[in-house]
Protein backbone atom coordinates (compact mmCIF):
# COMPACT_ATOMS: atom_id res chain seq x y z
CA MET A 1 -0.92 -3.04 0.52
CA THR A 2 -3.42 -4.88 -3.15
CA ARG A 3 -5.39 -3.03 -4.53
CA TRP A 4 -7.72 -3.63 -3.04
CA GLN A 5 -6.53 -2.98 0.29
CA LYS A 6 -6.08 0.38 -1.44
CA ILE A 7 -9.06 1.15 -3.01
CA GLY A 8 -10.93 0.51 0.94
CA LEU A 9 -8.58 2.75 2.64
CA ALA A 10 -9.09 5.46 0.04
CA ILE A 11 -12.75 4.79 0.59
CA SER A 12 -12.76 5.07 4.31
CA ILE A 13 -10.41 8.71 4.40
CA LEU A 14 -13.30 9.35 1.63
CA TRP A 15 -15.94 8.56 4.47
CA LEU A 16 -14.07 10.38 7.44
CA ILE A 17 -13.49 13.31 5.21
CA GLY A 18 -16.88 13.58 3.58
CA LEU A 19 -18.79 13.09 6.92
CA SER A 20 -16.66 15.62 8.95
CA ILE A 21 -16.87 17.67 6.20
CA PHE A 22 -21.02 17.22 5.85
CA LEU A 23 -21.20 18.04 10.42
CA VAL A 24 -19.67 21.28 9.12
CA VAL A 25 -22.15 22.04 7.24
CA VAL A 26 -24.78 21.73 9.46
CA HIS A 27 -23.39 23.46 12.36
CA SER A 28 -21.50 25.89 10.28
CA THR A 29 -18.16 25.90 12.25
CA TRP A 30 -15.71 24.16 12.61
CA LYS A 31 -15.27 24.38 15.87
CA THR A 32 -18.42 23.04 17.08
CA VAL A 33 -17.93 19.91 15.51
CA VAL A 34 -14.58 19.93 17.10
CA ASN A 35 -16.20 20.33 20.50
CA ILE A 36 -18.64 17.98 20.22
CA LEU A 37 -15.59 15.62 19.21
CA VAL A 38 -13.27 16.20 22.41
CA ALA A 39 -16.07 16.39 24.70
CA GLY A 40 -16.50 13.57 26.60
CA ASN A 41 -19.89 13.46 26.49
CA LEU A 42 -22.72 11.49 24.81
CA ASP A 43 -23.13 13.60 21.59
CA THR A 44 -19.19 12.48 21.32
CA LEU A 45 -19.64 8.34 21.71
CA THR A 46 -22.59 9.00 19.91
CA LEU A 47 -20.33 10.98 16.92
CA TRP A 48 -17.09 8.88 17.22
CA THR A 49 -19.83 5.72 16.21
CA VAL A 50 -21.51 7.26 13.51
CA MET A 51 -18.01 7.60 12.21
CA LEU A 52 -16.29 5.08 12.88
CA ALA A 53 -18.63 2.20 12.72
CA PRO A 54 -19.87 2.05 9.25
CA VAL A 55 -15.41 1.61 8.79
CA VAL A 56 -14.73 -0.97 10.84
CA VAL A 57 -17.85 -2.74 9.63
CA LEU A 58 -16.75 -2.88 6.20
CA TRP A 59 -13.70 -3.54 7.00
CA SER A 60 -14.32 -6.70 9.02
CA ILE A 61 -16.90 -7.17 6.08
CA GLY A 62 -13.68 -7.21 2.92
CA ILE A 63 -11.27 -9.37 5.14
CA VAL A 64 -14.11 -12.54 6.19
CA THR A 65 -14.49 -11.83 2.73
CA ALA A 66 -11.36 -12.29 1.70
CA GLU A 67 -9.71 -14.89 3.81
CA VAL A 68 -13.07 -16.66 2.81
CA VAL A 69 -12.26 -16.62 -0.86
CA ARG A 70 -8.59 -17.57 0.05
CA TRP A 71 -9.38 -20.35 1.77
CA ILE A 72 -11.89 -21.34 -1.04
CA ARG A 73 -9.47 -20.89 -3.76
CA ARG A 74 -6.90 -23.25 -1.42
CA ARG A 75 -8.78 -26.24 -1.03
CA GLN A 76 -9.71 -26.15 -5.05
CA THR A 77 -6.11 -26.21 -5.36
CA THR A 78 -5.63 -29.24 -3.40
CA ALA A 79 -8.35 -30.74 -4.55
CA GLU A 80 -7.01 -30.75 -8.21
CA GLN A 81 -3.30 -31.31 -7.05
CA ASP A 82 -5.14 -34.55 -5.16
CA GLY A 83 -6.92 -35.61 -8.32
CA GLU A 84 -3.54 -35.53 -11.17
CA GLY A 85 -1.68 -37.63 -8.43
């Protein structure tokens, strides 16, 4: 696992833990939050979306950015090698 992946994983875990703590503070008990998470209704879908959507979006942006940077570096390296030969 690269350094950036470890940072991303730490941020993702902190987001999920922080949001859970926030929800407990707002709803006053863990039981209420757990009931909402497993109820199987529209509130459940909304809460899971709010919890996981930012994680998925940020990981997707990070992966795409890393791949584009890697692709650009490969092209530059290839162009430099072609110029020398």
